[in-house]
Amino acid sequence: MLTNKINEPENWSEIYESEEAFTLFENTMKKLVAQSSHSKQLKQGRKNTLKQSWMTKKLQNLIKKRDGLLKTIHDQPYNKKLEQKYKKHRNLAAESIKNAK
């Protein structure tokens, strides 16, 4: 999402003064470049915000570890040690979330 620092509406009617396609394109590009130099990109960060008030960084890390292990299990379905490790982390994450609520 781009926001304009000036917060003033732009006058785009001056672009349509020319009837030649190339001049019209050139004027449009100049206007867009000028607008982009006054604008900045806003980041929509989701990783740094906690979705729930009881959610802590430790719980986020447990969930991330659990999800990573699940992905690895899908890649290695016959690895029993990995499956046991996943189940241990899954139960630990579920219990920790339940206690935090």
N, C-alpha and C. Protein backbone atom coordinates (compact mmCIF):
# COMPACT_ATOMS: atom_id res chain seq x y z
N MET A 1 0.84 -1.17 0.00
CA MET A 1 0.00 0.00 0.00
C MET A 1 0.89 1.23 0.00
N LEU A 2 0.61 2.17 -0.88
CA LEU A 2 1.38 3.40 -0.96
C LEU A 2 0.59 4.54 -0.35
N THR A 3 1.28 5.38 0.38
CA THR A 3 0.63 6.57 0.92
C THR A 3 1.38 7.80 0.44
N ASN A 4 0.66 8.85 0.21
CA ASN A 4 1.25 10.08 -0.24
C ASN A 4 1.59 10.93 0.98
N LYS A 5 2.85 11.38 1.07
CA LYS A 5 3.25 12.20 2.22
C LYS A 5 2.60 13.58 2.18
N ILE A 6 2.31 14.08 1.00
CA ILE A 6 1.75 15.41 0.87
C ILE A 6 0.27 15.43 1.22
N ASN A 7 -0.43 14.34 0.97
CA ASN A 7 -1.86 14.20 1.24
C ASN A 7 -2.71 15.21 0.47
N GLU A 8 -2.25 15.59 -0.71
CA GLU A 8 -3.00 16.49 -1.55
C GLU A 8 -3.40 15.73 -2.82
N PRO A 9 -4.60 15.97 -3.33
CA PRO A 9 -5.00 15.29 -4.57
C PRO A 9 -4.18 15.81 -5.75
N GLU A 10 -3.83 14.93 -6.64
CA GLU A 10 -3.06 15.28 -7.82
C GLU A 10 -3.98 15.70 -8.95
N ASN A 11 -3.52 16.61 -9.77
CA ASN A 11 -4.27 17.07 -10.93
C ASN A 11 -3.80 16.26 -12.15
N TRP A 12 -4.58 15.28 -12.54
CA TRP A 12 -4.22 14.40 -13.65
C TRP A 12 -4.77 14.91 -14.98
N SER A 13 -5.56 15.98 -14.97
CA SER A 13 -6.18 16.46 -16.21
C SER A 13 -5.13 17.03 -17.17
N GLU A 14 -4.02 17.53 -16.67
CA GLU A 14 -2.98 18.09 -17.54
C GLU A 14 -2.32 17.03 -18.42
N ILE A 15 -2.43 15.78 -18.04
CA ILE A 15 -1.85 14.70 -18.84
C ILE A 15 -2.58 14.55 -20.16
N TYR A 16 -3.88 14.80 -20.18
CA TYR A 16 -4.70 14.58 -21.37
C TYR A 16 -4.65 15.73 -22.37
N GLU A 17 -3.78 16.71 -22.16
CA GLU A 17 -3.70 17.85 -23.08
C GLU A 17 -3.17 17.44 -24.45
N SER A 18 -2.32 16.46 -24.49
CA SER A 18 -1.75 16.02 -25.76
C SER A 18 -2.63 14.96 -26.41
N GLU A 19 -2.66 14.96 -27.74
CA GLU A 19 -3.42 13.96 -28.46
C GLU A 19 -2.55 12.83 -28.97
N GLU A 20 -1.23 12.98 -28.90
CA GLU A 20 -0.32 11.94 -29.37
C GLU A 20 -0.15 10.88 -28.29
N ALA A 21 -0.15 9.63 -28.70
CA ALA A 21 -0.07 8.52 -27.75
C ALA A 21 1.25 8.51 -27.00
N PHE A 22 2.35 8.77 -27.72
CA PHE A 22 3.66 8.73 -27.07
C PHE A 22 3.78 9.84 -26.03
N THR A 23 3.32 11.03 -26.36
CA THR A 23 3.38 12.16 -25.42
C THR A 23 2.48 11.89 -24.21
N LEU A 24 1.32 11.31 -24.47
CA LEU A 24 0.41 10.95 -23.39
C LEU A 24 1.06 9.95 -22.44
N PHE A 25 1.70 8.94 -23.02
CA PHE A 25 2.41 7.93 -22.22
C PHE A 25 3.56 8.57 -21.44
N GLU A 26 4.33 9.42 -22.11
CA GLU A 26 5.48 10.07 -21.47
C GLU A 26 5.03 10.94 -20.29
N ASN A 27 3.97 11.71 -20.47
CA ASN A 27 3.46 12.56 -19.39
C ASN A 27 2.94 11.73 -18.22
N THR A 28 2.28 10.62 -18.54
CA THR A 28 1.77 9.74 -17.49
C THR A 28 2.91 9.16 -16.67
N MET A 29 3.95 8.71 -17.36
CA MET A 29 5.10 8.12 -16.65
C MET A 29 5.80 9.16 -15.78
N LYS A 30 5.96 10.38 -16.29
CA LYS A 30 6.58 11.44 -15.49
C LYS A 30 5.78 11.70 -14.21
N LYS A 31 4.46 11.72 -14.36
CA LYS A 31 3.58 11.96 -13.21
C LYS A 31 3.68 10.83 -12.19
N LEU A 32 3.70 9.59 -12.69
CA LEU A 32 3.81 8.44 -11.78
C LEU A 32 5.14 8.42 -11.05
N VAL A 33 6.22 8.73 -11.76
CA VAL A 33 7.55 8.77 -11.12
C VAL A 33 7.59 9.86 -10.07
N ALA A 34 7.02 11.01 -10.38
CA ALA A 34 6.98 12.11 -9.41
C ALA A 34 6.18 11.71 -8.18
N GLN A 35 5.05 11.02 -8.38
CA GLN A 35 4.22 10.57 -7.26
C GLN A 35 4.96 9.54 -6.42
N SER A 36 5.68 8.64 -7.07
CA SER A 36 6.34 7.57 -6.31
C SER A 36 7.49 8.11 -5.46
N SER A 37 8.07 9.23 -5.88
CA SER A 37 9.15 9.79 -5.07
C SER A 37 8.61 10.43 -3.79
N HIS A 38 7.32 10.78 -3.77
CA HIS A 38 6.71 11.36 -2.57
C HIS A 38 5.99 10.31 -1.72
N SER A 39 6.04 9.09 -2.15
CA SER A 39 5.31 8.03 -1.45
C SER A 39 6.28 7.08 -0.80
N LYS A 40 5.79 6.33 0.16
CA LYS A 40 6.62 5.32 0.80
C LYS A 40 5.80 4.04 0.95
N GLN A 41 6.50 2.93 1.00
CA GLN A 41 5.85 1.63 1.13
C GLN A 41 5.57 1.36 2.61
N LEU A 42 4.33 1.03 2.92
CA LEU A 42 3.97 0.66 4.27
C LEU A 42 4.01 -0.85 4.40
N LYS A 43 4.68 -1.33 5.42
CA LYS A 43 4.76 -2.76 5.63
C LYS A 43 3.60 -3.21 6.51
N GLN A 44 2.97 -4.27 6.10
CA GLN A 44 1.89 -4.86 6.87
C GLN A 44 2.49 -6.01 7.66
N GLY A 45 3.13 -5.72 8.78
CA GLY A 45 3.82 -6.74 9.56
C GLY A 45 2.87 -7.54 10.43
N ARG A 46 2.91 -8.83 10.29
CA ARG A 46 2.07 -9.71 11.09
C ARG A 46 2.90 -10.49 12.10
N LYS A 47 4.18 -10.65 11.82
CA LYS A 47 5.01 -11.48 12.68
C LYS A 47 5.29 -10.84 14.03
N ASN A 48 5.34 -9.52 14.07
CA ASN A 48 5.69 -8.85 15.31
C ASN A 48 4.50 -8.59 16.23
N THR A 49 3.31 -8.83 15.74
CA THR A 49 2.14 -8.57 16.56
C THR A 49 1.58 -9.88 17.11
N LEU A 50 1.19 -9.86 18.34
CA LEU A 50 0.60 -11.04 18.96
C LEU A 50 -0.89 -11.01 18.71
N LYS A 51 -1.44 -12.13 18.26
CA LYS A 51 -2.85 -12.17 17.90
C LYS A 51 -3.75 -12.15 19.13
N GLN A 52 -3.32 -12.77 20.20
CA GLN A 52 -4.12 -12.84 21.42
C GLN A 52 -3.32 -12.23 22.56
N SER A 53 -4.00 -11.74 23.56
CA SER A 53 -3.32 -11.11 24.68
C SER A 53 -2.51 -12.12 25.50
N TRP A 54 -2.93 -13.39 25.51
CA TRP A 54 -2.24 -14.41 26.28
C TRP A 54 -1.07 -15.04 25.51
N MET A 55 -0.95 -14.71 24.22
CA MET A 55 0.09 -15.29 23.39
C MET A 55 1.44 -14.65 23.72
N THR A 56 2.40 -15.46 24.10
CA THR A 56 3.73 -14.96 24.42
C THR A 56 4.71 -15.38 23.34
N LYS A 57 5.90 -14.83 23.39
CA LYS A 57 6.93 -15.18 22.42
C LYS A 57 7.30 -16.66 22.55
N LYS A 58 7.31 -17.17 23.78
CA LYS A 58 7.63 -18.58 24.00
C LYS A 58 6.58 -19.48 23.34
N LEU A 59 5.31 -19.12 23.46
CA LEU A 59 4.25 -19.90 22.81
C LEU A 59 4.37 -19.82 21.29
N GLN A 60 4.71 -18.66 20.77
CA GLN A 60 4.89 -18.53 19.33
C GLN A 60 6.01 -19.43 18.84
N ASN A 61 7.10 -19.49 19.61
CA ASN A 61 8.22 -20.34 19.22
C ASN A 61 7.84 -21.82 19.29
N LEU A 62 7.05 -22.21 20.31
CA LEU A 62 6.59 -23.60 20.40
C LEU A 62 5.73 -23.97 19.19
N ILE A 63 4.85 -23.07 18.82
CA ILE A 63 3.97 -23.32 17.67
C ILE A 63 4.79 -23.41 16.38
N LYS A 64 5.76 -22.52 16.24
CA LYS A 64 6.61 -22.53 15.05
C LYS A 64 7.41 -23.84 14.96
N LYS A 65 7.93 -24.29 16.10
CA LYS A 65 8.68 -25.56 16.15
C LYS A 65 7.77 -26.73 15.80
N ARG A 66 6.56 -26.74 16.37
CA ARG A 66 5.59 -27.80 16.10
C ARG A 66 5.24 -27.85 14.61
N ASP A 67 4.99 -26.68 14.02
CA ASP A 67 4.63 -26.64 12.61
C ASP A 67 5.79 -27.06 11.71
N GLY A 68 7.00 -26.70 12.10
CA GLY A 68 8.18 -27.11 11.33
C GLY A 68 8.38 -28.62 11.37
N LEU A 69 8.17 -29.20 12.54
CA LEU A 69 8.28 -30.66 12.67
C LEU A 69 7.20 -31.37 11.86
N LEU A 70 6.01 -30.83 11.83
CA LEU A 70 4.94 -31.43 11.05
C LEU A 70 5.28 -31.42 9.56
N LYS A 71 5.85 -30.32 9.09
CA LYS A 71 6.26 -30.25 7.69
C LYS A 71 7.34 -31.29 7.40
N THR A 72 8.27 -31.46 8.33
CA THR A 72 9.34 -32.44 8.15
C THR A 72 8.77 -33.86 8.15
N ILE A 73 7.77 -34.10 8.97
CA ILE A 73 7.14 -35.43 9.01
C ILE A 73 6.46 -35.74 7.67
N HIS A 74 5.87 -34.72 7.06
CA HIS A 74 5.24 -34.95 5.76
C HIS A 74 6.28 -35.31 4.70
N ASP A 75 7.50 -34.77 4.87
CA ASP A 75 8.58 -35.09 3.94
C ASP A 75 9.18 -36.47 4.22
N GLN A 76 9.17 -36.88 5.49
CA GLN A 76 9.75 -38.17 5.91
C GLN A 76 8.71 -38.97 6.71
N PRO A 77 7.71 -39.54 6.05
CA PRO A 77 6.60 -40.17 6.78
C PRO A 77 6.98 -41.45 7.54
N TYR A 78 8.11 -42.10 7.24
CA TYR A 78 8.46 -43.36 7.89
C TYR A 78 9.51 -43.20 8.99
N ASN A 79 9.85 -41.97 9.33
CA ASN A 79 10.82 -41.70 10.38
C ASN A 79 10.10 -41.69 11.74
N LYS A 80 10.20 -42.78 12.48
CA LYS A 80 9.47 -42.93 13.76
C LYS A 80 10.02 -42.01 14.85
N LYS A 81 11.35 -41.81 14.88
CA LYS A 81 11.92 -40.92 15.90
C LYS A 81 11.42 -39.49 15.71
N LEU A 82 11.35 -39.09 14.47
CA LEU A 82 10.86 -37.74 14.17
C LEU A 82 9.37 -37.62 14.52
N GLU A 83 8.63 -38.68 14.28
CA GLU A 83 7.20 -38.68 14.61
C GLU A 83 7.00 -38.55 16.12
N GLN A 84 7.82 -39.27 16.90
CA GLN A 84 7.72 -39.18 18.36
C GLN A 84 8.10 -37.78 18.85
N LYS A 85 9.14 -37.20 18.24
CA LYS A 85 9.55 -35.85 18.60
C LYS A 85 8.43 -34.85 18.29
N TYR A 86 7.78 -35.03 17.13
CA TYR A 86 6.67 -34.14 16.76
C TYR A 86 5.53 -34.26 17.76
N LYS A 87 5.16 -35.49 18.11
CA LYS A 87 4.05 -35.69 19.05
C LYS A 87 4.36 -35.07 20.40
N LYS A 88 5.61 -35.18 20.83
CA LYS A 88 6.02 -34.58 22.10
C LYS A 88 5.85 -33.05 22.05
N HIS A 89 6.33 -32.44 20.97
CA HIS A 89 6.21 -30.99 20.84
C HIS A 89 4.76 -30.56 20.62
N ARG A 90 3.99 -31.37 19.91
CA ARG A 90 2.58 -31.06 19.68
C ARG A 90 1.83 -31.03 21.02
N ASN A 91 2.06 -32.05 21.84
CA ASN A 91 1.39 -32.11 23.14
C ASN A 91 1.86 -31.00 24.07
N LEU A 92 3.17 -30.70 24.02
CA LEU A 92 3.69 -29.63 24.85
C LEU A 92 3.10 -28.27 24.44
N ALA A 93 3.00 -28.04 23.15
CA ALA A 93 2.42 -26.77 22.66
C ALA A 93 0.93 -26.69 23.04
N ALA A 94 0.20 -27.77 22.87
CA ALA A 94 -1.23 -27.77 23.20
C ALA A 94 -1.45 -27.52 24.70
N GLU A 95 -0.64 -28.18 25.52
CA GLU A 95 -0.77 -28.00 26.97
C GLU A 95 -0.39 -26.58 27.38
N SER A 96 0.67 -26.05 26.79
CA SER A 96 1.10 -24.69 27.14
C SER A 96 0.05 -23.65 26.72
N ILE A 97 -0.57 -23.86 25.56
CA ILE A 97 -1.61 -22.94 25.11
C ILE A 97 -2.82 -23.02 26.03
N LYS A 98 -3.17 -24.24 26.40
CA LYS A 98 -4.32 -24.43 27.28
C LYS A 98 -4.08 -23.75 28.63
N ASN A 99 -2.87 -23.88 29.17
CA ASN A 99 -2.53 -23.25 30.46
C ASN A 99 -2.49 -21.73 30.35
N ALA A 100 -2.07 -21.23 29.21
CA ALA A 100 -1.95 -19.78 29.03
C ALA A 100 -3.32 -19.11 28.95
N LYS A 101 -4.29 -19.83 28.40
CA LYS A 101 -5.64 -19.26 28.27
C LYS A 101 -6.27 -19.17 29.64
